[in-house]
C-alpha cells in the first residue's frame, strides 16, 4: 500500500474523531498484521467502533491504528494496519470514506459493487461542526487519541522484543 493511502486513511480517522467523536472502522481482519480476538480473525468485513470518550488512548500511527478495545467486556489490544482498512465513517452522520480498491473480494462478491454512498463526503475542517451533527462531549482530562508521526513504510520500533503483544501506552 502506498504511503499516500496510509496518510489519507489516518487523516480521515483523525478528522472524524476530532469533529464528530466516533468512527466505525470496516476492516479485513484476515490481512497480515491485523490483531483482533481470534474469533474475529477470519472476518473480512469486521466493523469496530472507536470513540473519543473511550477511557484508553487511540493511537493513530503511520502504519496502523492501535488501541485496547473491549469485546464482550473483555479487553484485547488491537492493531489495525491501514492496508486492512477499507472504510471509515461516522454511523450517525454518514460522513466517511469507502476505499473501493481495498474492499475484500468476498465482500464485493456478496454485496456487489459499492457506490460511494450512502457515505457523505467529509466537510472541510472550517465547515465543522455541522448544525445537525453534534459530536459527543469529550471528557475533560481523558486523552482521546494520539497522532504518531513517522514514515509509513517503517513500523514503529519494538522497545521490548520479548513481549507477546504490544502494551497500551498512556499519554498525558
Foldseek 3Di string as FASTA:
>chain_A
DDLVLLVVVLVQVVLCCVFAFKKKWFFQLCDPPWDDPPVCNRHLGDIDMAGLQDQAAWESESFWIWDFDDDVNRTDTTTGGSLGTQWMADPVPLAIFGNQVSRDPVVCVVPPRDDRPPHDYDDDPVCPPPPVRHHDDHDPPGGRYHYHDDGNVDDDDDPDVPDPDDDGDDDD
